[in-house]
C-alpha atoms as a PDB file:
ATOM      1  CA  MET A   1       0.000   0.000   0.000  1.00  0.00           C
ATOM      2  CA  GLN A   2       2.814   2.384   0.870  1.00  0.00           C
ATOM      3  CA  LEU A   3       4.438   1.897  -2.542  1.00  0.00           C
ATOM      4  CA  ARG A   4       1.161   2.619  -4.300  1.00  0.00           C
ATOM      5  CA  GLN A   5       0.791   5.870  -2.419  1.00  0.00           C
ATOM      6  CA  GLN A   6       4.376   7.009  -2.982  1.00  0.00           C
ATOM      7  CA  LEU A   7       5.287   5.465  -6.352  1.00  0.00           C
ATOM      8  CA  GLY A   8       6.258   8.748  -8.006  1.00  0.00           C
ATOM      9  CA  GLU A   9       8.569   9.729  -5.151  1.00  0.00           C
ATOM     10  CA  VAL A  10      10.101   6.256  -4.972  1.00  0.00           C
ATOM     11  CA  LEU A  11      10.801   6.187  -8.719  1.00  0.00           C
ATOM     12  CA  GLU A  12      12.481   9.586  -8.550  1.00  0.00           C
ATOM     13  CA  ARG A  13      14.713   8.419  -5.681  1.00  0.00           C
ATOM     14  CA  VAL A  14      15.592   5.254  -7.631  1.00  0.00           C
ATOM     15  CA  TYR A  15      16.385   7.185 -10.814  1.00  0.00           C
ATOM     16  CA  TYR A  16      18.095  10.311  -9.494  1.00  0.00           C
ATOM     17  CA  GLN A  17      19.630   9.118  -6.228  1.00  0.00           C
ATOM     18  CA  PHE A  18      20.389   5.498  -7.232  1.00  0.00           C
ATOM     19  CA  GLN A  19      18.503   4.225  -4.199  1.00  0.00           C
ATOM     20  CA  GLN A  20      17.162   0.690  -4.107  1.00  0.00           C
ATOM     21  CA  PHE A  21      13.897  -0.422  -2.563  1.00  0.00           C
ATOM     22  CA  ARG A  22      12.808  -3.897  -1.580  1.00  0.00           C
ATOM     23  CA  VAL A  23       9.102  -4.473  -2.139  1.00  0.00           C
ATOM     24  CA  LEU A  24       7.473  -6.631   0.534  1.00  0.00           C
ATOM     25  CA  ARG A  25       4.065  -8.242   0.727  1.00  0.00           C
ATOM     26  CA  LYS A  26       3.107  -9.497   4.177  1.00  0.00           C
ATOM     27  CA  ASP A  27       6.793  -9.210   5.178  1.00  0.00           C
ATOM     28  CA  LYS A  28       7.836 -11.445   2.267  1.00  0.00           C
ATOM     29  CA  PRO A  29      10.366  -9.927  -0.183  1.00  0.00           C
ATOM     30  CA  MET A  30       8.713  -9.855  -3.610  1.00  0.00           C
ATOM     31  CA  ALA A  31      10.837  -7.555  -5.783  1.00  0.00           C
ATOM     32  CA  ARG A  32      13.383  -4.745  -5.850  1.00  0.00           C
ATOM     33  CA  LEU A  33      13.231  -1.403  -7.530  1.00  0.00           C
ATOM     34  CA  VAL A  34      16.641  -0.432  -8.880  1.00  0.00           C
ATOM     35  CA  ASN A  35      17.994   2.133 -11.311  1.00  0.00           C
ATOM     36  CA  GLU A  36      18.037   1.101 -14.993  1.00  0.00           C
ATOM     37  CA  ASP A  37      21.796   1.756 -15.228  1.00  0.00           C
ATOM     38  CA  TYR A  38      22.327  -0.707 -12.379  1.00  0.00           C
ATOM     39  CA  MET A  39      20.353  -3.400 -14.186  1.00  0.00           C
ATOM     40  CA  GLN A  40      22.184  -2.748 -17.464  1.00  0.00           C
ATOM     41  CA  ALA A  41      25.485  -3.277 -15.630  1.00  0.00           C
ATOM     42  CA  ILE A  42      24.179  -6.543 -14.163  1.00  0.00           C
ATOM     43  CA  ASP A  43      22.955  -7.657 -17.606  1.00  0.00           C
ATOM     44  CA  TYR A  44      26.379  -6.861 -19.065  1.00  0.00           C
ATOM     45  CA  LEU A  45      28.189  -8.851 -16.358  1.00  0.00           C
ATOM     46  CA  ILE A  46      25.911 -11.839 -16.823  1.00  0.00           C
ATOM     47  CA  GLY A  47      26.247 -11.672 -20.602  1.00  0.00           C
ATOM     48  CA  SER A  48      30.042 -11.447 -20.483  1.00  0.00           C
ATOM     49  CA  ASP A  49      30.620 -14.210 -17.937  1.00  0.00           C
ATOM     50  CA  PRO A  50      28.964 -17.565 -18.737  1.00  0.00           C
ATOM     51  CA  ALA A  51      29.993 -19.014 -15.356  1.00  0.00           C
ATOM     52  CA  LEU A  52      28.251 -16.145 -13.555  1.00  0.00           C
ATOM     53  CA  ALA A  53      25.156 -16.673 -15.688  1.00  0.00           C
ATOM     54  CA  ASP A  54      25.173 -20.384 -14.800  1.00  0.00           C
ATOM     55  CA  THR A  55      25.615 -19.605 -11.103  1.00  0.00           C
ATOM     56  CA  ILE A  56      22.677 -17.193 -11.111  1.00  0.00           C
ATOM     57  CA  ALA A  57      20.527 -19.698 -13.003  1.00  0.00           C
ATOM     58  CA  LEU A  58      21.303 -22.350 -10.375  1.00  0.00           C
ATOM     59  CA  MET A  59      20.556 -19.946  -7.534  1.00  0.00           C
ATOM     60  CA  LEU A  60      17.160 -19.170  -9.067  1.00  0.00           C
ATOM     61  CA  ASN A  61      16.324 -22.825  -9.745  1.00  0.00           C
ATOM     62  CA  ASP A  62      13.706 -24.016  -7.239  1.00  0.00           C
ATOM     63  CA  GLU A  63      15.253 -27.498  -7.055  1.00  0.00           C
ATOM     64  CA  ALA A  64      18.925 -26.455  -6.892  1.00  0.00           C
ATOM     65  CA  ALA A  65      18.597 -23.488  -4.520  1.00  0.00           C
ATOM     66  CA  PRO A  66      17.913 -25.539  -1.348  1.00  0.00           C
ATOM     67  CA  ILE A  67      20.843 -27.834  -2.165  1.00  0.00           C
ATOM     68  CA  LEU A  68      23.161 -24.837  -2.610  1.00  0.00           C
ATOM     69  CA  LYS A  69      21.946 -23.259   0.632  1.00  0.00           C
ATOM     70  CA  GLU A  70      22.504 -26.486   2.550  1.00  0.00           C
ATOM     71  CA  GLY A  71      25.988 -26.837   1.058  1.00  0.00           C
ATOM     72  CA  ALA A  72      26.855 -23.266   2.068  1.00  0.00           C
ATOM     73  CA  LYS A  73      25.567 -23.947   5.589  1.00  0.00           C
ATOM     74  CA  GLU A  74      27.659 -27.106   5.833  1.00  0.00           C
ATOM     75  CA  TRP A  75      30.705 -25.243   4.496  1.00  0.00           C
ATOM     76  CA  ARG A  76      30.362 -22.479   7.115  1.00  0.00           C
ATOM     77  CA  SER A  77      30.018 -25.020   9.923  1.00  0.00           C
ATOM     78  CA  GLY A  78      33.174 -26.842   8.794  1.00  0.00           C
ATOM     79  CA  GLN A  79      31.386 -29.993   7.664  1.00  0.00           C
ATOM     80  CA  ARG A  80      32.845 -29.700   4.140  1.00  0.00           C
ATOM     81  CA  ILE A  81      36.355 -29.181   2.855  1.00  0.00           C
ATOM     82  CA  PRO A  82      37.556 -27.844  -0.510  1.00  0.00           C
ATOM     83  CA  LEU A  83      38.071 -30.464  -3.251  1.00  0.00           C
ATOM     84  CA  ASP A  84      41.742 -29.569  -3.692  1.00  0.00           C
ATOM     85  CA  GLU A  85      42.283 -30.067   0.046  1.00  0.00           C
ATOM     86  CA  ALA A  86      40.590 -33.475  -0.089  1.00  0.00           C
ATOM     87  CA  LEU A  87      42.729 -34.539  -3.062  1.00  0.00           C
ATOM     88  CA  SER A  88      46.068 -33.545  -1.526  1.00  0.00           C
END
């Protein structure tokens, strides 16, 4: 509701001040409003780095995302070691 009431002001802050806004619905993050130049830079990075594009695709994949999150959690807790360390 707040975004609806202040959309013009929010868009001006995004465009002129390069501010970002996270849009929530019932406390759930739904989207972000970012400056177009920011998104063009992201698009360029993704387009110029196939590995980055693959990583983002995996992170957005509903089946792979929980596996990646669990792996990161295990890594932080010390339950996993790097492959090169395991092979040496």
